[in-house]
N, C-alpha and C. Protein backbone atom coordinates (compact mmCIF):
# COMPACT_ATOMS: atom_id res chain seq x y z
N MET A 1 73.81 2.53 -19.76
CA MET A 1 74.96 3.42 -19.79
C MET A 1 76.09 2.73 -20.55
N ALA A 2 76.62 3.40 -21.53
CA ALA A 2 77.67 2.81 -22.36
C ALA A 2 79.04 2.93 -21.71
N LEU A 3 79.88 1.97 -22.02
CA LEU A 3 81.27 2.00 -21.53
C LEU A 3 82.06 3.07 -22.27
N VAL A 4 83.02 3.62 -21.60
CA VAL A 4 83.94 4.54 -22.25
C VAL A 4 84.83 3.70 -23.17
N ARG A 5 84.97 4.09 -24.42
CA ARG A 5 85.78 3.30 -25.35
C ARG A 5 87.25 3.28 -24.97
N LYS A 6 87.75 4.41 -24.47
CA LYS A 6 89.16 4.48 -24.11
C LYS A 6 89.41 3.52 -22.95
N GLY A 7 90.36 2.63 -23.13
CA GLY A 7 90.70 1.68 -22.09
C GLY A 7 89.90 0.40 -22.12
N SER A 8 88.90 0.32 -23.00
CA SER A 8 88.12 -0.91 -23.07
C SER A 8 88.82 -1.91 -24.00
N ARG A 9 88.55 -3.18 -23.76
CA ARG A 9 89.18 -4.24 -24.55
C ARG A 9 88.09 -5.05 -25.24
N ARG A 10 88.42 -5.55 -26.39
CA ARG A 10 87.51 -6.36 -27.20
C ARG A 10 87.68 -7.83 -26.81
N ILE A 11 86.54 -8.54 -26.74
CA ILE A 11 86.58 -9.97 -26.47
C ILE A 11 85.45 -10.63 -27.25
N VAL A 12 85.73 -11.80 -27.79
CA VAL A 12 84.72 -12.57 -28.51
C VAL A 12 84.36 -13.77 -27.65
N VAL A 13 83.08 -13.87 -27.31
CA VAL A 13 82.58 -14.98 -26.50
C VAL A 13 81.51 -15.71 -27.29
N ASP A 14 81.79 -16.95 -27.64
CA ASP A 14 80.85 -17.79 -28.40
C ASP A 14 80.36 -17.08 -29.67
N GLY A 15 81.28 -16.41 -30.36
CA GLY A 15 80.97 -15.78 -31.63
C GLY A 15 80.40 -14.38 -31.54
N THR A 16 80.17 -13.86 -30.36
CA THR A 16 79.62 -12.51 -30.17
C THR A 16 80.73 -11.60 -29.63
N VAL A 17 80.80 -10.41 -30.19
CA VAL A 17 81.84 -9.46 -29.80
C VAL A 17 81.33 -8.55 -28.68
N TYR A 18 82.11 -8.46 -27.62
CA TYR A 18 81.81 -7.59 -26.48
C TYR A 18 83.01 -6.68 -26.23
N ARG A 19 82.78 -5.65 -25.44
CA ARG A 19 83.87 -4.81 -24.94
C ARG A 19 83.81 -4.87 -23.42
N TRP A 20 84.97 -4.90 -22.80
CA TRP A 20 85.01 -4.92 -21.34
C TRP A 20 86.05 -3.95 -20.83
N ARG A 21 85.85 -3.53 -19.61
CA ARG A 21 86.76 -2.53 -19.04
C ARG A 21 86.87 -2.71 -17.54
N LEU A 22 88.09 -2.65 -17.07
CA LEU A 22 88.40 -2.64 -15.65
C LEU A 22 88.82 -1.22 -15.31
N ARG A 23 88.26 -0.68 -14.27
CA ARG A 23 88.61 0.67 -13.85
C ARG A 23 90.11 0.71 -13.55
N GLY A 24 90.84 1.65 -14.14
CA GLY A 24 92.29 1.74 -13.97
C GLY A 24 92.72 2.08 -12.55
N ARG A 25 92.05 3.04 -11.97
CA ARG A 25 92.36 3.42 -10.59
C ARG A 25 91.25 2.89 -9.70
N PRO A 26 91.60 2.35 -8.55
CA PRO A 26 90.56 1.81 -7.68
C PRO A 26 89.71 2.92 -7.06
N THR A 27 88.47 2.57 -6.70
CA THR A 27 87.67 3.49 -5.90
C THR A 27 88.33 3.59 -4.52
N TYR A 28 87.85 4.47 -3.69
CA TYR A 28 88.45 4.64 -2.36
C TYR A 28 88.40 3.32 -1.59
N ASP A 29 87.22 2.68 -1.54
CA ASP A 29 87.09 1.42 -0.81
C ASP A 29 87.92 0.30 -1.43
N GLN A 30 88.03 0.29 -2.75
CA GLN A 30 88.87 -0.72 -3.41
C GLN A 30 90.33 -0.46 -3.10
N GLY A 31 90.74 0.78 -3.05
CA GLY A 31 92.11 1.13 -2.72
C GLY A 31 92.50 0.68 -1.32
N LEU A 32 91.53 0.75 -0.40
CA LEU A 32 91.75 0.31 0.98
C LEU A 32 91.52 -1.20 1.14
N THR A 33 91.20 -1.87 0.06
CA THR A 33 90.86 -3.30 0.02
C THR A 33 89.69 -3.64 0.94
N GLN A 34 88.74 -2.71 1.02
CA GLN A 34 87.52 -2.94 1.77
C GLN A 34 86.40 -3.48 0.88
N SER A 35 86.52 -3.27 -0.42
CA SER A 35 85.54 -3.82 -1.35
C SER A 35 86.29 -4.44 -2.53
N PRO A 36 85.68 -5.44 -3.17
CA PRO A 36 86.37 -6.16 -4.24
C PRO A 36 86.40 -5.40 -5.57
N CYS A 37 87.21 -5.91 -6.45
CA CYS A 37 87.37 -5.38 -7.80
C CYS A 37 86.11 -5.64 -8.63
N THR A 38 85.78 -4.72 -9.50
CA THR A 38 84.65 -4.90 -10.42
C THR A 38 85.11 -4.59 -11.84
N PHE A 39 84.41 -5.16 -12.80
CA PHE A 39 84.63 -4.80 -14.20
C PHE A 39 83.28 -4.78 -14.91
N ALA A 40 83.25 -4.13 -16.07
CA ALA A 40 82.00 -3.97 -16.82
C ALA A 40 82.16 -4.53 -18.21
N VAL A 41 81.05 -5.05 -18.76
CA VAL A 41 81.03 -5.65 -20.09
C VAL A 41 79.80 -5.15 -20.81
N GLU A 42 79.91 -4.92 -22.12
CA GLU A 42 78.75 -4.58 -22.94
C GLU A 42 78.91 -5.17 -24.33
N HIS A 43 77.80 -5.30 -25.04
CA HIS A 43 77.82 -5.77 -26.42
C HIS A 43 78.53 -4.71 -27.25
N ALA A 44 79.42 -5.12 -28.13
CA ALA A 44 80.25 -4.15 -28.87
C ALA A 44 79.48 -3.36 -29.91
N ASP A 45 78.55 -4.00 -30.62
CA ASP A 45 77.86 -3.33 -31.73
C ASP A 45 76.56 -2.65 -31.30
N THR A 46 75.84 -3.27 -30.39
CA THR A 46 74.55 -2.76 -29.95
C THR A 46 74.52 -2.70 -28.43
N PRO A 47 75.19 -1.71 -27.84
CA PRO A 47 75.22 -1.66 -26.38
C PRO A 47 73.84 -1.45 -25.79
N GLY A 48 73.48 -2.30 -24.86
CA GLY A 48 72.22 -2.17 -24.15
C GLY A 48 72.54 -2.14 -22.66
N ALA A 49 72.00 -3.11 -21.95
CA ALA A 49 72.27 -3.21 -20.51
C ALA A 49 73.72 -3.63 -20.29
N THR A 50 74.40 -2.91 -19.45
CA THR A 50 75.79 -3.20 -19.12
C THR A 50 75.84 -4.28 -18.04
N LEU A 51 76.78 -5.20 -18.19
CA LEU A 51 77.02 -6.22 -17.18
C LEU A 51 78.09 -5.70 -16.23
N VAL A 52 77.79 -5.67 -14.94
CA VAL A 52 78.76 -5.25 -13.93
C VAL A 52 79.07 -6.47 -13.07
N VAL A 53 80.33 -6.89 -13.09
CA VAL A 53 80.76 -8.10 -12.38
C VAL A 53 81.60 -7.71 -11.17
N THR A 54 81.19 -8.20 -10.01
CA THR A 54 81.96 -8.02 -8.79
C THR A 54 82.75 -9.29 -8.55
N THR A 55 84.07 -9.18 -8.51
CA THR A 55 84.93 -10.34 -8.34
C THR A 55 85.15 -10.62 -6.85
N ASN A 56 85.91 -11.66 -6.56
CA ASN A 56 86.26 -11.95 -5.17
C ASN A 56 87.72 -11.61 -4.88
N GLU A 57 88.29 -10.73 -5.69
CA GLU A 57 89.69 -10.31 -5.55
C GLU A 57 89.77 -8.82 -5.27
N PRO A 58 90.82 -8.37 -4.59
CA PRO A 58 91.01 -6.92 -4.45
C PRO A 58 91.42 -6.31 -5.80
N HIS A 59 91.27 -5.02 -5.91
CA HIS A 59 91.69 -4.33 -7.14
C HIS A 59 93.20 -4.49 -7.28
N PRO A 60 93.71 -4.79 -8.47
CA PRO A 60 95.16 -4.97 -8.65
C PRO A 60 95.99 -3.75 -8.27
N SER A 61 95.40 -2.56 -8.31
CA SER A 61 96.13 -1.34 -7.97
C SER A 61 95.79 -0.84 -6.57
N ASN A 62 95.47 -1.76 -5.66
CA ASN A 62 95.13 -1.33 -4.29
C ASN A 62 96.35 -0.68 -3.64
N TRP A 63 96.10 0.13 -2.64
CA TRP A 63 97.14 0.97 -2.04
C TRP A 63 98.03 0.24 -1.06
N PHE A 64 97.68 -0.97 -0.69
CA PHE A 64 98.45 -1.71 0.30
C PHE A 64 99.32 -2.80 -0.31
N GLY A 65 99.28 -2.92 -1.62
CA GLY A 65 100.08 -3.94 -2.28
C GLY A 65 99.57 -5.35 -2.00
N ARG A 66 98.31 -5.45 -1.62
CA ARG A 66 97.73 -6.77 -1.36
C ARG A 66 97.68 -7.55 -2.67
N ALA A 67 98.12 -8.79 -2.62
CA ALA A 67 98.16 -9.62 -3.83
C ALA A 67 96.77 -9.78 -4.42
N ALA A 68 96.69 -9.65 -5.73
CA ALA A 68 95.41 -9.77 -6.43
C ALA A 68 95.63 -10.51 -7.73
N GLU A 69 94.72 -11.40 -8.05
CA GLU A 69 94.76 -12.08 -9.34
C GLU A 69 94.29 -11.08 -10.40
N PRO A 70 94.96 -11.03 -11.53
CA PRO A 70 94.52 -10.11 -12.59
C PRO A 70 93.20 -10.59 -13.21
N VAL A 71 92.45 -9.66 -13.77
CA VAL A 71 91.23 -10.01 -14.48
C VAL A 71 91.67 -10.41 -15.89
N LEU A 72 91.52 -11.69 -16.20
CA LEU A 72 91.95 -12.23 -17.48
C LEU A 72 90.77 -12.33 -18.44
N PRO A 73 91.04 -12.35 -19.74
CA PRO A 73 89.96 -12.54 -20.70
C PRO A 73 89.15 -13.82 -20.43
N SER A 74 89.80 -14.87 -19.96
CA SER A 74 89.05 -16.10 -19.64
C SER A 74 88.07 -15.86 -18.50
N THR A 75 88.43 -15.02 -17.55
CA THR A 75 87.54 -14.67 -16.44
C THR A 75 86.33 -13.89 -16.96
N VAL A 76 86.60 -12.96 -17.87
CA VAL A 76 85.53 -12.15 -18.46
C VAL A 76 84.59 -13.03 -19.26
N ALA A 77 85.15 -13.93 -20.07
CA ALA A 77 84.32 -14.82 -20.88
C ALA A 77 83.44 -15.70 -20.01
N ALA A 78 83.98 -16.23 -18.93
CA ALA A 78 83.20 -17.07 -18.03
C ALA A 78 82.07 -16.26 -17.38
N ALA A 79 82.35 -15.03 -17.01
CA ALA A 79 81.33 -14.17 -16.41
C ALA A 79 80.23 -13.85 -17.41
N VAL A 80 80.60 -13.60 -18.66
CA VAL A 80 79.60 -13.32 -19.70
C VAL A 80 78.69 -14.54 -19.89
N ARG A 81 79.28 -15.71 -19.99
CA ARG A 81 78.47 -16.93 -20.16
C ARG A 81 77.52 -17.14 -18.99
N LEU A 82 78.01 -16.93 -17.77
CA LEU A 82 77.18 -17.10 -16.59
C LEU A 82 76.05 -16.07 -16.57
N ALA A 83 76.37 -14.82 -16.87
CA ALA A 83 75.35 -13.76 -16.88
C ALA A 83 74.29 -14.04 -17.94
N LEU A 84 74.71 -14.50 -19.11
CA LEU A 84 73.73 -14.84 -20.16
C LEU A 84 72.80 -15.95 -19.69
N SER A 85 73.35 -16.95 -18.99
CA SER A 85 72.51 -18.05 -18.49
C SER A 85 71.58 -17.59 -17.37
N GLU A 86 71.93 -16.48 -16.71
CA GLU A 86 71.09 -15.94 -15.63
C GLU A 86 70.15 -14.85 -16.11
N GLY A 87 70.11 -14.60 -17.43
CA GLY A 87 69.12 -13.68 -17.96
C GLY A 87 69.60 -12.34 -18.45
N TRP A 88 70.90 -12.10 -18.49
CA TRP A 88 71.41 -10.83 -19.02
C TRP A 88 71.10 -10.75 -20.50
N ALA A 89 70.49 -9.67 -20.92
CA ALA A 89 70.20 -9.41 -22.33
C ALA A 89 71.06 -8.23 -22.77
N PRO A 90 72.24 -8.50 -23.34
CA PRO A 90 73.20 -7.42 -23.62
C PRO A 90 72.74 -6.39 -24.64
N LYS A 91 71.80 -6.74 -25.53
CA LYS A 91 71.34 -5.78 -26.54
C LYS A 91 70.10 -5.00 -26.10
N ALA A 92 69.45 -5.47 -25.05
CA ALA A 92 68.22 -4.81 -24.58
C ALA A 92 68.56 -3.60 -23.73
N PRO A 93 67.89 -2.47 -23.97
CA PRO A 93 68.14 -1.31 -23.13
C PRO A 93 67.63 -1.57 -21.71
N GLY A 94 68.23 -0.90 -20.78
CA GLY A 94 67.80 -1.07 -19.40
C GLY A 94 68.93 -0.81 -18.43
N SER A 95 68.63 -1.03 -17.17
CA SER A 95 69.63 -0.78 -16.14
C SER A 95 70.68 -1.88 -16.15
N ALA A 96 71.75 -1.64 -15.46
CA ALA A 96 72.87 -2.59 -15.42
C ALA A 96 72.44 -3.91 -14.81
N PHE A 97 73.05 -4.98 -15.30
CA PHE A 97 72.85 -6.32 -14.78
C PHE A 97 74.04 -6.62 -13.88
N HIS A 98 73.78 -6.90 -12.61
CA HIS A 98 74.87 -7.13 -11.65
C HIS A 98 75.08 -8.62 -11.43
N LEU A 99 76.32 -9.04 -11.57
CA LEU A 99 76.72 -10.42 -11.32
C LEU A 99 77.70 -10.40 -10.16
N ASP A 100 77.26 -10.92 -9.02
CA ASP A 100 78.06 -10.88 -7.81
C ASP A 100 78.81 -12.20 -7.64
N GLN A 101 80.12 -12.15 -7.80
CA GLN A 101 80.98 -13.32 -7.60
C GLN A 101 81.96 -13.05 -6.46
N SER A 102 81.52 -12.27 -5.48
CA SER A 102 82.41 -11.84 -4.42
C SER A 102 82.48 -12.79 -3.23
N ALA A 103 81.83 -13.95 -3.33
CA ALA A 103 81.89 -14.91 -2.23
C ALA A 103 83.34 -15.27 -1.95
N GLY A 104 83.74 -15.17 -0.70
CA GLY A 104 85.11 -15.49 -0.32
C GLY A 104 86.03 -14.29 -0.24
N PHE A 105 85.54 -13.10 -0.63
CA PHE A 105 86.39 -11.90 -0.53
C PHE A 105 86.56 -11.53 0.94
N MET A 106 87.79 -11.28 1.32
CA MET A 106 88.11 -10.90 2.70
C MET A 106 88.66 -9.48 2.71
N PRO A 107 87.88 -8.49 3.23
CA PRO A 107 88.42 -7.14 3.31
C PRO A 107 89.59 -7.08 4.29
N SER A 108 90.46 -6.14 4.07
CA SER A 108 91.59 -5.96 4.98
C SER A 108 91.10 -5.42 6.31
N PRO A 109 91.73 -5.82 7.39
CA PRO A 109 91.31 -5.35 8.73
C PRO A 109 91.60 -3.87 8.93
């Protein structure tokens, strides 16, 4: 499944161009800070399997104003490198590759 171009950002990781996107509005569970923030990454020229990264932070636009670290390009680049080392093939067609980095996430009571 390809990323929507609107709202996606370009990033170059080790000479390869990718596009990444953070959902602008949180899902219901993310808004309640019951589930962590996620973002998606795909190869810019030949989109194949999408990388879906689950962070250990709440969504920045959560409804309770809970402090959240922003998703920075350096965070995205690190996730891409880790996913590649774990077998993500960004140009190969197929289902999404999930990278779970949610260890330490604490949902709101």
